[in-house]
Amino acid sequence: MNASANFFEKVYDVARKIPFGRVTSYGAIATYLGAARSARMVGWAMNNSHHQKEEVPAHRVVNKQGLLTGKHHFEGTNLMQQLLENEGVVIVNNQIQNLETVFWNPTKELK
């Protein structure tokens, strides 16, 4: 397994731990994995997550401002937003409202 594939697996492991109704950011996952400058690579992992055998809740990973920057990678025009809204997350103009309330920080939550 090459290094990026191994990193992707670590990203998926963290993403699978994001609780229902909560979100995290690409950068928060990268920081938790000790690769703080690799937020973009976390994004690439999320783009590739639909190929995994075990589901990855990629819809729960957003940018640091709470924008649904990855929504164009989901089937349908609003699937990412619909999945989040089904979990009780409020979104206005592609931006999560009350981000500080629903934000899940893996560095603090996973010991």
PDB file of N, CA and C in Angstrom:
ATOM      1  N   MET A   1       0.863  -1.196   0.000  1.00  0.00           N
ATOM      2  CA  MET A   1       0.000   0.000   0.000  1.00  0.00           C
ATOM      3  C   MET A   1       0.897   1.242   0.000  1.00  0.00           C
ATOM      4  N   ASN A   2       0.620   2.165  -0.884  1.00  0.00           N
ATOM      5  CA  ASN A   2       1.459   3.362  -0.925  1.00  0.00           C
ATOM      6  C   ASN A   2       1.064   4.343   0.181  1.00  0.00           C
ATOM      7  N   ALA A   3       1.906   5.358   0.389  1.00  0.00           N
ATOM      8  CA  ALA A   3       1.702   6.283   1.510  1.00  0.00           C
ATOM      9  C   ALA A   3       0.377   7.027   1.419  1.00  0.00           C
ATOM     10  N   SER A   4      -0.025   7.469   0.220  1.00  0.00           N
ATOM     11  CA  SER A   4      -1.279   8.217   0.117  1.00  0.00           C
ATOM     12  C   SER A   4      -2.471   7.310   0.386  1.00  0.00           C
ATOM     13  N   ALA A   5      -2.409   6.051  -0.057  1.00  0.00           N
ATOM     14  CA  ALA A   5      -3.509   5.122   0.213  1.00  0.00           C
ATOM     15  C   ALA A   5      -3.632   4.890   1.714  1.00  0.00           C
ATOM     16  N   ASN A   6      -2.507   4.760   2.396  1.00  0.00           N
ATOM     17  CA  ASN A   6      -2.500   4.580   3.832  1.00  0.00           C
ATOM     18  C   ASN A   6      -3.082   5.820   4.523  1.00  0.00           C
ATOM     19  N   PHE A   7      -2.704   7.013   4.059  1.00  0.00           N
ATOM     20  CA  PHE A   7      -3.246   8.262   4.614  1.00  0.00           C
ATOM     21  C   PHE A   7      -4.756   8.305   4.400  1.00  0.00           C
ATOM     22  N   PHE A   8      -5.203   7.932   3.208  1.00  0.00           N
ATOM     23  CA  PHE A   8      -6.637   7.930   2.914  1.00  0.00           C
ATOM     24  C   PHE A   8      -7.372   7.021   3.887  1.00  0.00           C
ATOM     25  N   GLU A   9      -6.820   5.832   4.170  1.00  0.00           N
ATOM     26  CA  GLU A   9      -7.463   4.914   5.117  1.00  0.00           C
ATOM     27  C   GLU A   9      -7.591   5.551   6.493  1.00  0.00           C
ATOM     28  N   LYS A  10      -6.572   6.271   6.922  1.00  0.00           N
ATOM     29  CA  LYS A  10      -6.617   6.962   8.221  1.00  0.00           C
ATOM     30  C   LYS A  10      -7.699   8.041   8.204  1.00  0.00           C
ATOM     31  N   VAL A  11      -7.799   8.760   7.097  1.00  0.00           N
ATOM     32  CA  VAL A  11      -8.838   9.783   6.947  1.00  0.00           C
ATOM     33  C   VAL A  11     -10.218   9.135   7.059  1.00  0.00           C
ATOM     34  N   TYR A  12     -10.417   8.017   6.376  1.00  0.00           N
ATOM     35  CA  TYR A  12     -11.716   7.339   6.416  1.00  0.00           C
ATOM     36  C   TYR A  12     -12.039   6.857   7.821  1.00  0.00           C
ATOM     37  N   ASP A  13     -11.035   6.368   8.542  1.00  0.00           N
ATOM     38  CA  ASP A  13     -11.259   5.923   9.922  1.00  0.00           C
ATOM     39  C   ASP A  13     -11.768   7.066  10.790  1.00  0.00           C
ATOM     40  N   VAL A  14     -11.171   8.250  10.638  1.00  0.00           N
ATOM     41  CA  VAL A  14     -11.612   9.417  11.408  1.00  0.00           C
ATOM     42  C   VAL A  14     -13.011   9.834  10.971  1.00  0.00           C
ATOM     43  N   ALA A  15     -13.241   9.917   9.669  1.00  0.00           N
ATOM     44  CA  ALA A  15     -14.543  10.365   9.153  1.00  0.00           C
ATOM     45  C   ALA A  15     -15.675   9.460   9.651  1.00  0.00           C
ATOM     46  N   ARG A  16     -15.399   8.172   9.750  1.00  0.00           N
ATOM     47  CA  ARG A  16     -16.433   7.240  10.216  1.00  0.00           C
ATOM     48  C   ARG A  16     -16.794   7.463  11.681  1.00  0.00           C
ATOM     49  N   LYS A  17     -15.970   8.197  12.407  1.00  0.00           N
ATOM     50  CA  LYS A  17     -16.225   8.459  13.828  1.00  0.00           C
ATOM     51  C   LYS A  17     -16.987   9.765  14.062  1.00  0.00           C
ATOM     52  N   ILE A  18     -17.191  10.554  13.010  1.00  0.00           N
ATOM     53  CA  ILE A  18     -17.926  11.814  13.167  1.00  0.00           C
ATOM     54  C   ILE A  18     -19.366  11.464  13.549  1.00  0.00           C
ATOM     55  N   PRO A  19     -19.831  11.970  14.685  1.00  0.00           N
ATOM     56  CA  PRO A  19     -21.188  11.608  15.127  1.00  0.00           C
ATOM     57  C   PRO A  19     -22.284  12.155  14.214  1.00  0.00           C
ATOM     58  N   PHE A  20     -23.395  11.459  14.198  1.00  0.00           N
ATOM     59  CA  PHE A  20     -24.609  11.883  13.494  1.00  0.00           C
ATOM     60  C   PHE A  20     -24.945  13.308  13.921  1.00  0.00           C
ATOM     61  N   GLY A  21     -25.244  14.177  12.948  1.00  0.00           N
ATOM     62  CA  GLY A  21     -25.631  15.557  13.261  1.00  0.00           C
ATOM     63  C   GLY A  21     -24.479  16.488  13.562  1.00  0.00           C
ATOM     64  N   ARG A  22     -23.244  16.033  13.347  1.00  0.00           N
ATOM     65  CA  ARG A  22     -22.063  16.865  13.593  1.00  0.00           C
ATOM     66  C   ARG A  22     -21.237  16.918  12.307  1.00  0.00           C
ATOM     67  N   VAL A  23     -20.368  17.891  12.214  1.00  0.00           N
ATOM     68  CA  VAL A  23     -19.466  18.024  11.066  1.00  0.00           C
ATOM     69  C   VAL A  23     -18.062  18.323  11.548  1.00  0.00           C
ATOM     70  N   THR A  24     -17.103  18.097  10.686  1.00  0.00           N
ATOM     71  CA  THR A  24     -15.733  18.507  10.947  1.00  0.00           C
ATOM     72  C   THR A  24     -15.173  19.087   9.658  1.00  0.00           C
ATOM     73  N   SER A  25     -13.934  19.555   9.715  1.00  0.00           N
ATOM     74  CA  SER A  25     -13.331  20.161   8.524  1.00  0.00           C
ATOM     75  C   SER A  25     -12.179  19.303   8.009  1.00  0.00           C
ATOM     76  N   TYR A  26     -11.839  19.550   6.759  1.00  0.00           N
ATOM     77  CA  TYR A  26     -10.702  18.859   6.155  1.00  0.00           C
ATOM     78  C   TYR A  26      -9.449  19.098   6.994  1.00  0.00           C
ATOM     79  N   GLY A  27      -9.252  20.351   7.390  1.00  0.00           N
ATOM     80  CA  GLY A  27      -8.073  20.719   8.177  1.00  0.00           C
ATOM     81  C   GLY A  27      -8.049  20.087   9.550  1.00  0.00           C
ATOM     82  N   ALA A  28      -9.215  19.940  10.188  1.00  0.00           N
ATOM     83  CA  ALA A  28      -9.265  19.327  11.520  1.00  0.00           C
ATOM     84  C   ALA A  28      -8.855  17.862  11.445  1.00  0.00           C
ATOM     85  N   ILE A  29      -9.271  17.174  10.383  1.00  0.00           N
ATOM     86  CA  ILE A  29      -8.859  15.771  10.210  1.00  0.00           C
ATOM     87  C   ILE A  29      -7.357  15.709   9.948  1.00  0.00           C
ATOM     88  N   ALA A  30      -6.864  16.584   9.076  1.00  0.00           N
ATOM     89  CA  ALA A  30      -5.430  16.595   8.760  1.00  0.00           C
ATOM     90  C   ALA A  30      -4.606  16.864  10.022  1.00  0.00           C
ATOM     91  N   THR A  31      -5.020  17.831  10.830  1.00  0.00           N
ATOM     92  CA  THR A  31      -4.306  18.157  12.064  1.00  0.00           C
ATOM     93  C   THR A  31      -4.309  16.968  13.016  1.00  0.00           C
ATOM     94  N   TYR A  32      -5.453  16.333  13.164  1.00  0.00           N
ATOM     95  CA  TYR A  32      -5.553  15.161  14.034  1.00  0.00           C
ATOM     96  C   TYR A  32      -4.583  14.063  13.594  1.00  0.00           C
ATOM     97  N   LEU A  33      -4.409  13.909  12.295  1.00  0.00           N
ATOM     98  CA  LEU A  33      -3.525  12.866  11.762  1.00  0.00           C
ATOM     99  C   LEU A  33      -2.057  13.297  11.740  1.00  0.00           C
ATOM    100  N   GLY A  34      -1.758  14.474  12.295  1.00  0.00           N
ATOM    101  CA  GLY A  34      -0.380  14.937  12.347  1.00  0.00           C
ATOM    102  C   GLY A  34       0.131  15.488  11.035  1.00  0.00           C
ATOM    103  N   ALA A  35      -0.791  15.875  10.164  1.00  0.00           N
ATOM    104  CA  ALA A  35      -0.422  16.395   8.846  1.00  0.00           C
ATOM    105  C   ALA A  35      -1.178  17.690   8.595  1.00  0.00           C
ATOM    106  N   ALA A  36      -0.981  18.654   9.483  1.00  0.00           N
ATOM    107  CA  ALA A  36      -1.779  19.882   9.507  1.00  0.00           C
ATOM    108  C   ALA A  36      -1.866  20.602   8.167  1.00  0.00           C
ATOM    109  N   ARG A  37      -0.857  20.460   7.326  1.00  0.00           N
ATOM    110  CA  ARG A  37      -0.863  21.173   6.047  1.00  0.00           C
ATOM    111  C   ARG A  37      -1.444  20.331   4.911  1.00  0.00           C
ATOM    112  N   SER A  38      -2.134  19.262   5.258  1.00  0.00           N
ATOM    113  CA  SER A  38      -2.638  18.326   4.247  1.00  0.00           C
ATOM    114  C   SER A  38      -4.156  18.333   4.109  1.00  0.00           C
ATOM    115  N   ALA A  39      -4.788  19.462   4.392  1.00  0.00           N
ATOM    116  CA  ALA A  39      -6.251  19.535   4.279  1.00  0.00           C
ATOM    117  C   ALA A  39      -6.708  19.177   2.868  1.00  0.00           C
ATOM    118  N   ARG A  40      -5.967  19.621   1.877  1.00  0.00           N
ATOM    119  CA  ARG A  40      -6.349  19.323   0.491  1.00  0.00           C
ATOM    120  C   ARG A  40      -6.310  17.814   0.229  1.00  0.00           C
ATOM    121  N   MET A  41      -5.332  17.129   0.808  1.00  0.00           N
ATOM    122  CA  MET A  41      -5.245  15.682   0.632  1.00  0.00           C
ATOM    123  C   MET A  41      -6.441  14.991   1.311  1.00  0.00           C
ATOM    124  N   VAL A  42      -6.901  15.534   2.431  1.00  0.00           N
ATOM    125  CA  VAL A  42      -8.109  15.002   3.072  1.00  0.00           C
ATOM    126  C   VAL A  42      -9.292  15.171   2.114  1.00  0.00           C
ATOM    127  N   GLY A  43      -9.342  16.294   1.430  1.00  0.00           N
ATOM    128  CA  GLY A  43     -10.388  16.524   0.431  1.00  0.00           C
ATOM    129  C   GLY A  43     -10.335  15.495  -0.689  1.00  0.00           C
ATOM    130  N   TRP A  44      -9.132  15.181  -1.135  1.00  0.00           N
ATOM    131  CA  TRP A  44      -8.987  14.159  -2.186  1.00  0.00           C
ATOM    132  C   TRP A  44      -9.493  12.815  -1.674  1.00  0.00           C
ATOM    133  N   ALA A  45      -9.178  12.511  -0.416  1.00  0.00           N
ATOM    134  CA  ALA A  45      -9.655  11.253   0.176  1.00  0.00           C
ATOM    135  C   ALA A  45     -11.180  11.231   0.197  1.00  0.00           C
ATOM    136  N   MET A  46     -11.793  12.350   0.581  1.00  0.00           N
ATOM    137  CA  MET A  46     -13.260  12.406   0.612  1.00  0.00           C
ATOM    138  C   MET A  46     -13.838  12.214  -0.793  1.00  0.00           C
ATOM    139  N   ASN A  47     -13.198  12.815  -1.796  1.00  0.00           N
ATOM    140  CA  ASN A  47     -13.671  12.662  -3.182  1.00  0.00           C
ATOM    141  C   ASN A  47     -13.629  11.205  -3.624  1.00  0.00           C
ATOM    142  N   ASN A  48     -12.717  10.447  -3.064  1.00  0.00           N
ATOM    143  CA  ASN A  48     -12.524   9.053  -3.433  1.00  0.00           C
ATOM    144  C   ASN A  48     -13.284   8.092  -2.509  1.00  0.00           C
ATOM    145  N   SER A  49     -13.940   8.614  -1.496  1.00  0.00           N
ATOM    146  CA  SER A  49     -14.515   7.772  -0.438  1.00  0.00           C
ATOM    147  C   SER A  49     -15.658   6.886  -0.904  1.00  0.00           C
ATOM    148  N   HIS A  50     -16.333   7.257  -1.981  1.00  0.00           N
ATOM    149  CA  HIS A  50     -17.459   6.442  -2.444  1.00  0.00           C
ATOM    150  C   HIS A  50     -17.006   5.086  -3.007  1.00  0.00           C
ATOM    151  N   HIS A  51     -15.707   4.892  -3.145  1.00  0.00           N
ATOM    152  CA  HIS A  51     -15.180   3.604  -3.614  1.00  0.00           C
ATOM    153  C   HIS A  51     -14.934   2.628  -2.470  1.00  0.00           C
ATOM    154  N   GLN A  52     -15.132   3.062  -1.233  1.00  0.00           N
ATOM    155  CA  GLN A  52     -14.859   2.206  -0.084  1.00  0.00           C
ATOM    156  C   GLN A  52     -15.967   1.188   0.143  1.00  0.00           C
ATOM    157  N   LYS A  53     -15.596   0.014   0.618  1.00  0.00           N
ATOM    158  CA  LYS A  53     -16.593  -1.023   0.925  1.00  0.00           C
ATOM    159  C   LYS A  53     -17.437  -0.596   2.121  1.00  0.00           C
ATOM    160  N   GLU A  54     -16.775  -0.068   3.151  1.00  0.00           N
ATOM    161  CA  GLU A  54     -17.480   0.417   4.340  1.00  0.00           C
ATOM    162  C   GLU A  54     -17.794   1.896   4.134  1.00  0.00           C
ATOM    163  N   GLU A  55     -19.044   2.262   4.341  1.00  0.00           N
ATOM    164  CA  GLU A  55     -19.474   3.636   4.072  1.00  0.00           C
ATOM    165  C   GLU A  55     -18.655   4.667   4.835  1.00  0.00           C
ATOM    166  N   VAL A  56     -18.367   5.770   4.157  1.00  0.00           N
ATOM    167  CA  VAL A  56     -17.668   6.911   4.758  1.00  0.00           C
ATOM    168  C   VAL A  56     -18.639   8.093   4.700  1.00  0.00           C
ATOM    169  N   PRO A  57     -18.986   8.695   5.845  1.00  0.00           N
ATOM    170  CA  PRO A  57     -19.925   9.824   5.833  1.00  0.00           C
ATOM    171  C   PRO A  57     -19.250  11.123   5.384  1.00  0.00           C
ATOM    172  N   ALA A  58     -18.852  11.149   4.113  1.00  0.00           N
ATOM    173  CA  ALA A  58     -18.114  12.294   3.566  1.00  0.00           C
ATOM    174  C   ALA A  58     -18.921  13.586   3.641  1.00  0.00           C
ATOM    175  N   HIS A  59     -20.248  13.475   3.698  1.00  0.00           N
ATOM    176  CA  HIS A  59     -21.077  14.675   3.769  1.00  0.00           C
ATOM    177  C   HIS A  59     -20.845  15.444   5.069  1.00  0.00           C
ATOM    178  N   ARG A  60     -20.246  14.826   6.059  1.00  0.00           N
ATOM    179  CA  ARG A  60     -19.985  15.484   7.351  1.00  0.00           C
ATOM    180  C   ARG A  60     -18.654  16.223   7.381  1.00  0.00           C
ATOM    181  N   VAL A  61     -17.956  16.267   6.251  1.00  0.00           N
ATOM    182  CA  VAL A  61     -16.667  16.969   6.189  1.00  0.00           C
ATOM    183  C   VAL A  61     -16.828  18.186   5.285  1.00  0.00           C
ATOM    184  N   VAL A  62     -16.572  19.361   5.862  1.00  0.00           N
ATOM    185  CA  VAL A  62     -16.780  20.636   5.166  1.00  0.00           C
ATOM    186  C   VAL A  62     -15.512  21.484   5.294  1.00  0.00           C
ATOM    187  N   ASN A  63     -15.521  22.664   4.697  1.00  0.00           N
ATOM    188  CA  ASN A  63     -14.337  23.499   4.862  1.00  0.00           C
ATOM    189  C   ASN A  63     -14.395  24.220   6.210  1.00  0.00           C
ATOM    190  N   LYS A  64     -13.318  24.916   6.565  1.00  0.00           N
ATOM    191  CA  LYS A  64     -13.226  25.486   7.920  1.00  0.00           C
ATOM    192  C   LYS A  64     -14.260  26.567   8.203  1.00  0.00           C
ATOM    193  N   GLN A  65     -14.844  27.152   7.161  1.00  0.00           N
ATOM    194  CA  GLN A  65     -15.912  28.147   7.369  1.00  0.00           C
ATOM    195  C   GLN A  65     -17.289  27.494   7.408  1.00  0.00           C
ATOM    196  N   GLY A  66     -17.335  26.174   7.236  1.00  0.00           N
ATOM    197  CA  GLY A  66     -18.620  25.485   7.228  1.00  0.00           C
ATOM    198  C   GLY A  66     -19.301  25.495   5.879  1.00  0.00           C
ATOM    199  N   LEU A  67     -18.540  25.783   4.827  1.00  0.00           N
ATOM    200  CA  LEU A  67     -19.105  25.773   3.482  1.00  0.00           C
ATOM    201  C   LEU A  67     -19.102  24.362   2.914  1.00  0.00           C
ATOM    202  N   LEU A  68     -20.132  24.042   2.154  1.00  0.00           N
ATOM    203  CA  LEU A  68     -20.245  22.725   1.527  1.00  0.00           C
ATOM    204  C   LEU A  68     -19.440  22.709   0.227  1.00  0.00           C
ATOM    205  N   THR A  69     -18.136  22.868   0.352  1.00  0.00           N
ATOM    206  CA  THR A  69     -17.275  22.986  -0.827  1.00  0.00           C
ATOM    207  C   THR A  69     -17.200  21.699  -1.626  1.00  0.00           C
ATOM    208  N   GLY A  70     -17.492  20.546  -1.016  1.00  0.00           N
ATOM    209  CA  GLY A  70     -17.410  19.284  -1.737  1.00  0.00           C
ATOM    210  C   GLY A  70     -18.719  18.821  -2.331  1.00  0.00           C
ATOM    211  N   LYS A  71     -19.749  19.652  -2.276  1.00  0.00           N
ATOM    212  CA  LYS A  71     -21.088  19.190  -2.674  1.00  0.00           C
ATOM    213  C   LYS A  71     -21.182  18.755  -4.127  1.00  0.00           C
ATOM    214  N   HIS A  72     -20.358  19.313  -5.000  1.00  0.00           N
ATOM    215  CA  HIS A  72     -20.410  18.927  -6.414  1.00  0.00           C
ATOM    216  C   HIS A  72     -19.884  17.508  -6.651  1.00  0.00           C
ATOM    217  N   HIS A  73     -19.289  16.888  -5.629  1.00  0.00           N
ATOM    218  CA  HIS A  73     -18.802  15.512  -5.761  1.00  0.00           C
ATOM    219  C   HIS A  73     -19.872  14.477  -5.391  1.00  0.00           C
ATOM    220  N   PHE A  74     -21.027  14.945  -4.956  1.00  0.00           N
ATOM    221  CA  PHE A  74     -22.128  14.051  -4.600  1.00  0.00           C
ATOM    222  C   PHE A  74     -23.092  13.959  -5.771  1.00  0.00           C
ATOM    223  N   GLU A  75     -23.740  12.800  -5.912  1.00  0.00           N
ATOM    224  CA  GLU A  75     -24.747  12.660  -6.960  1.00  0.00           C
ATOM    225  C   GLU A  75     -25.912  13.585  -6.652  1.00  0.00           C
ATOM    226  N   GLY A  76     -26.490  14.147  -7.685  1.00  0.00           N
ATOM    227  CA  GLY A  76     -27.603  15.072  -7.466  1.00  0.00           C
ATOM    228  C   GLY A  76     -27.074  16.427  -7.044  1.00  0.00           C
ATOM    229  N   THR A  77     -27.879  17.441  -7.239  1.00  0.00           N
ATOM    230  CA  THR A  77     -27.392  18.798  -6.991  1.00  0.00           C
ATOM    231  C   THR A  77     -27.307  19.147  -5.514  1.00  0.00           C
ATOM    232  N   ASN A  78     -28.162  18.569  -4.687  1.00  0.00           N
ATOM    233  CA  ASN A  78     -28.183  18.962  -3.284  1.00  0.00           C
ATOM    234  C   ASN A  78     -28.050  17.806  -2.310  1.00  0.00           C
ATOM    235  N   LEU A  79     -27.494  16.671  -2.752  1.00  0.00           N
ATOM    236  CA  LEU A  79     -27.445  15.497  -1.893  1.00  0.00           C
ATOM    237  C   LEU A  79     -26.679  15.745  -0.597  1.00  0.00           C
ATOM    238  N   MET A  80     -25.519  16.401  -0.685  1.00  0.00           N
ATOM    239  CA  MET A  80     -24.734  16.654   0.532  1.00  0.00           C
ATOM    240  C   MET A  80     -25.561  17.450   1.535  1.00  0.00           C
ATOM    241  N   GLN A  81     -26.204  18.512   1.054  1.00  0.00           N
ATOM    242  CA  GLN A  81     -27.037  19.348   1.933  1.00  0.00           C
ATOM    243  C   GLN A  81     -28.202  18.538   2.499  1.00  0.00           C
ATOM    244  N   GLN A  82     -28.849  17.733   1.661  1.00  0.00           N
ATOM    245  CA  GLN A  82     -29.993  16.939   2.129  1.00  0.00           C
ATOM    246  C   GLN A  82     -29.570  15.948   3.204  1.00  0.00           C
ATOM    247  N   LEU A  83     -28.427  15.303   3.019  1.00  0.00           N
ATOM    248  CA  LEU A  83     -27.937  14.355   4.020  1.00  0.00           C
ATOM    249  C   LEU A  83     -27.691  15.050   5.356  1.00  0.00           C
ATOM    250  N   LEU A  84     -27.087  16.230   5.306  1.00  0.00           N
ATOM    251  CA  LEU A  84     -26.824  16.979   6.542  1.00  0.00           C
ATOM    252  C   LEU A  84     -28.117  17.466   7.181  1.00  0.00           C
ATOM    253  N   GLU A  85     -29.032  17.976   6.362  1.00  0.00           N
ATOM    254  CA  GLU A  85     -30.305  18.460   6.906  1.00  0.00           C
ATOM    255  C   GLU A  85     -31.105  17.311   7.530  1.00  0.00           C
ATOM    256  N   ASN A  86     -30.990  16.113   6.958  1.00  0.00           N
ATOM    257  CA  ASN A  86     -31.650  14.943   7.543  1.00  0.00           C
ATOM    258  C   ASN A  86     -31.103  14.625   8.933  1.00  0.00           C
ATOM    259  N   GLU A  87     -29.900  15.106   9.223  1.00  0.00           N
ATOM    260  CA  GLU A  87     -29.280  14.902  10.526  1.00  0.00           C
ATOM    261  C   GLU A  87     -29.501  16.106  11.441  1.00  0.00           C
ATOM    262  N   GLY A  88     -30.276  17.075  10.978  1.00  0.00           N
ATOM    263  CA  GLY A  88     -30.597  18.235  11.807  1.00  0.00           C
ATOM    264  C   GLY A  88     -29.659  19.417  11.664  1.00  0.00           C
ATOM    265  N   VAL A  89     -28.728  19.352  10.719  1.00  0.00           N
ATOM    266  CA  VAL A  89     -27.796  20.458  10.490  1.00  0.00           C
ATOM    267  C   VAL A  89     -28.500  21.506   9.631  1.00  0.00           C
ATOM    268  N   VAL A  90     -28.441  22.769  10.064  1.00  0.00           N
ATOM    269  CA  VAL A  90     -29.102  23.854   9.350  1.00  0.00           C
ATOM    270  C   VAL A  90     -28.115  24.487   8.373  1.00  0.00           C
ATOM    271  N   ILE A  91     -28.549  24.607   7.106  1.00  0.00           N
ATOM    272  CA  ILE A  91     -27.686  25.147   6.048  1.00  0.00           C
ATOM    273  C   ILE A  91     -28.421  26.252   5.312  1.00  0.00           C
ATOM    274  N   VAL A  92     -27.745  27.379   5.150  1.00  0.00           N
ATOM    275  CA  VAL A  92     -28.289  28.497   4.387  1.00  0.00           C
ATOM    276  C   VAL A  92     -27.217  28.925   3.384  1.00  0.00           C
ATOM    277  N   ASN A  93     -27.580  28.981   2.110  1.00  0.00           N
ATOM    278  CA  ASN A  93     -26.637  29.367   1.047  1.00  0.00           C
ATOM    279  C   ASN A  93     -25.343  28.558   1.098  1.00  0.00           C
ATOM    280  N   ASN A  94     -25.477  27.232   1.176  1.00  0.00           N
ATOM    281  CA  ASN A  94     -24.327  26.315   1.199  1.00  0.00           C
ATOM    282  C   ASN A  94     -23.438  26.472   2.424  1.00  0.00           C
ATOM    283  N   GLN A  95     -23.911  27.143   3.462  1.00  0.00           N
ATOM    284  CA  GLN A  95     -23.101  27.351   4.665  1.00  0.00           C
ATOM    285  C   GLN A  95     -23.838  26.823   5.892  1.00  0.00           C
ATOM    286  N   ILE A  96     -23.110  26.060   6.696  1.00  0.00           N
ATOM    287  CA  ILE A  96     -23.680  25.520   7.926  1.00  0.00           C
ATOM    288  C   ILE A  96     -23.873  26.651   8.919  1.00  0.00           C
ATOM    289  N   GLN A  97     -25.044  26.694   9.502  1.00  0.00           N
ATOM    290  CA  GLN A  97     -25.360  27.687  10.528  1.00  0.00           C
ATOM    291  C   GLN A  97     -24.966  27.110  11.892  1.00  0.00           C
ATOM    292  N   ASN A  98     -24.609  27.966  12.825  1.00  0.00           N
ATOM    293  CA  ASN A  98     -24.192  27.528  14.165  1.00  0.00           C
ATOM    294  C   ASN A  98     -23.061  26.507  14.089  1.00  0.00           C
ATOM    295  N   LEU A  99     -22.074  26.789  13.247  1.00  0.00           N
ATOM    296  CA  LEU A  99     -20.968  25.852  13.039  1.00  0.00           C
ATOM    297  C   LEU A  99     -20.296  25.480  14.357  1.00  0.00           C
ATOM    298  N   GLU A 100     -20.113  26.460  15.241  1.00  0.00           N
ATOM    299  CA  GLU A 100     -19.428  26.184  16.509  1.00  0.00           C
ATOM    300  C   GLU A 100     -20.198  25.171  17.362  1.00  0.00           C
ATOM    301  N   THR A 101     -21.508  25.088  17.167  1.00  0.00           N
ATOM    302  CA  THR A 101     -22.338  24.148  17.925  1.00  0.00           C
ATOM    303  C   THR A 101     -22.249  22.733  17.368  1.00  0.00           C
ATOM    304  N   VAL A 102     -22.213  22.593  16.054  1.00  0.00           N
ATOM    305  CA  VAL A 102     -22.207  21.262  15.431  1.00  0.00           C
ATOM    306  C   VAL A 102     -20.800  20.775  15.058  1.00  0.00           C
ATOM    307  N   PHE A 103     -19.800  21.639  15.248  1.00  0.00           N
ATOM    308  CA  PHE A 103     -18.434  21.258  14.861  1.00  0.00           C
ATOM    309  C   PHE A 103     -17.880  20.195  15.807  1.00  0.00           C
ATOM    310  N   TRP A 104     -17.302  19.158  15.229  1.00  0.00           N
ATOM    311  CA  TRP A 104     -16.691  18.053  15.969  1.00  0.00           C
ATOM    312  C   TRP A 104     -15.195  18.082  15.682  1.00  0.00           C
ATOM    313  N   ASN A 105     -14.397  18.271  16.718  1.00  0.00           N
ATOM    314  CA  ASN A 105     -12.945  18.360  16.547  1.00  0.00           C
ATOM    315  C   ASN A 105     -12.310  17.033  16.963  1.00  0.00           C
ATOM    316  N   PRO A 106     -11.802  16.261  16.005  1.00  0.00           N
ATOM    317  CA  PRO A 106     -11.248  14.951  16.342  1.00  0.00           C
ATOM    318  C   PRO A 106     -10.087  15.021  17.339  1.00  0.00           C
ATOM    319  N   THR A 107      -9.318  16.102  17.313  1.00  0.00           N
ATOM    320  CA  THR A 107      -8.190  16.223  18.238  1.00  0.00           C
ATOM    321  C   THR A 107      -8.684  16.276  19.680  1.00  0.00           C
ATOM    322  N   LYS A 108      -9.835  16.910  19.905  1.00  0.00           N
ATOM    323  CA  LYS A 108     -10.397  16.989  21.262  1.00  0.00           C
ATOM    324  C   LYS A 108     -11.249  15.777  21.598  1.00  0.00           C
ATOM    325  N   GLU A 109     -11.953  15.243  20.601  1.00  0.00           N
ATOM    326  CA  GLU A 109     -12.934  14.176  20.849  1.00  0.00           C
ATOM    327  C   GLU A 109     -12.328  12.774  20.867  1.00  0.00           C
ATOM    328  N   LEU A 110     -11.261  12.555  20.116  1.00  0.00           N
ATOM    329  CA  LEU A 110     -10.654  11.230  20.042  1.00  0.00           C
ATOM    330  C   LEU A 110      -9.370  11.225  20.853  1.00  0.00           C
ATOM    331  N   LYS A 111      -9.355  10.450  21.867  1.00  0.00           N
ATOM    332  CA  LYS A 111      -8.170  10.406  22.746  1.00  0.00           C
ATOM    333  C   LYS A 111      -7.387   9.140  22.497  1.00  0.00           C
TER     334      LYS A 111
END
